[in-house]
Amino acid sequence: MESIRRQNPQAALMSLEAAAASARGGFACVFSTADEYESALITERRAQGRYAQSRSYWPLALFIGCALIVAGTALLFA
């Protein structure tokens, strides 16, 4: 405290302001909204390959199965 009194008051004030600004910077969040955070998170996960599009054959198998059922029903009643 004694060293602050010996310094120029303007320099002491500037030093305190700089210390406060650096302390506030440690608590700041990089993202301003939750949507921005989620977008960045999804982008990062895609870059890691977590959301890789795997080829699924279920839609094709279901279509062929339904087509066979319809064809079988048509032949049964024909």
Protein backbone atom coordinates (compact mmCIF):
# COMPACT_ATOMS: atom_id res chain seq x y z
CA MET A 1 0.00 0.00 0.00
CA GLU A 2 2.89 2.32 0.75
CA SER A 3 4.25 1.90 -2.78
CA ILE A 4 0.93 3.02 -4.27
CA ARG A 5 1.07 6.28 -2.28
CA ARG A 6 4.54 7.04 -3.58
CA GLN A 7 3.51 6.54 -7.22
CA ASN A 8 1.75 9.05 -9.36
CA PRO A 9 -2.03 8.72 -8.67
CA GLN A 10 -2.75 8.58 -12.42
CA ALA A 11 -0.28 5.73 -12.88
CA ALA A 12 -1.78 3.87 -9.92
CA LEU A 13 -5.26 4.30 -11.36
CA MET A 14 -4.13 3.02 -14.76
CA SER A 15 -2.44 0.05 -13.09
CA LEU A 16 -5.63 -0.82 -11.19
CA GLU A 17 -7.74 -0.50 -14.34
CA ALA A 18 -5.39 -2.81 -16.22
CA ALA A 19 -5.51 -5.35 -13.40
CA ALA A 20 -9.33 -5.20 -13.33
CA ALA A 21 -9.55 -5.64 -17.10
CA SER A 22 -7.28 -8.69 -17.03
CA ALA A 23 -9.24 -10.18 -14.12
CA ARG A 24 -12.54 -9.71 -15.99
CA GLY A 25 -11.08 -11.35 -19.07
CA GLY A 26 -10.59 -14.60 -17.19
CA PHE A 27 -14.31 -14.96 -16.52
CA ALA A 28 -15.57 -13.98 -19.97
CA CYS A 29 -17.20 -16.52 -22.23
CA VAL A 30 -16.15 -16.76 -25.84
CA PHE A 31 -19.74 -17.32 -26.99
CA SER A 32 -22.45 -14.71 -26.64
CA THR A 33 -25.42 -17.09 -26.94
CA ALA A 34 -26.18 -20.75 -26.36
CA ASP A 35 -26.94 -21.19 -30.07
CA GLU A 36 -23.48 -19.92 -30.95
CA TYR A 37 -21.93 -22.37 -28.47
CA GLU A 38 -23.93 -25.33 -29.80
CA SER A 39 -23.06 -24.44 -33.39
CA ALA A 40 -19.35 -24.34 -32.54
CA LEU A 41 -19.66 -27.61 -30.62
CA ILE A 42 -21.34 -29.39 -33.54
CA THR A 43 -18.76 -27.99 -35.97
CA GLU A 44 -15.94 -29.27 -33.76
CA ARG A 45 -17.54 -32.70 -33.39
CA ARG A 46 -18.06 -32.96 -37.15
CA ALA A 47 -14.39 -32.13 -37.64
CA GLN A 48 -13.54 -34.98 -35.26
CA GLY A 49 -15.75 -37.35 -37.29
CA ARG A 50 -18.35 -38.03 -34.60
CA TYR A 51 -21.29 -37.28 -36.92
CA ALA A 52 -20.11 -39.36 -39.85
CA GLN A 53 -22.86 -40.29 -42.26
CA SER A 54 -22.98 -44.06 -42.36
CA ARG A 55 -24.79 -45.66 -45.26
CA SER A 56 -28.00 -47.23 -43.99
CA TYR A 57 -29.80 -49.87 -46.01
CA TRP A 58 -32.93 -49.90 -43.82
CA PRO A 59 -35.02 -47.59 -46.03
CA LEU A 60 -34.25 -49.68 -49.11
CA ALA A 61 -34.98 -52.95 -47.28
CA LEU A 62 -38.30 -51.61 -45.97
CA PHE A 63 -39.31 -50.43 -49.43
CA ILE A 64 -38.52 -53.80 -51.01
CA GLY A 65 -40.33 -55.61 -48.19
CA CYS A 66 -43.46 -53.49 -48.59
CA ALA A 67 -43.36 -53.91 -52.37
CA LEU A 68 -43.19 -57.69 -51.98
CA ILE A 69 -46.12 -57.66 -49.54
CA VAL A 70 -48.21 -55.57 -51.94
CA ALA A 71 -47.28 -57.81 -54.88
CA GLY A 72 -48.07 -60.94 -52.87
CA THR A 73 -51.42 -59.53 -51.78
CA ALA A 74 -52.26 -58.57 -55.38
CA LEU A 75 -51.39 -62.07 -56.61
CA LEU A 76 -53.41 -63.66 -53.80
CA PHE A 77 -56.58 -61.79 -54.71
CA ALA A 78 -56.13 -61.94 -58.47
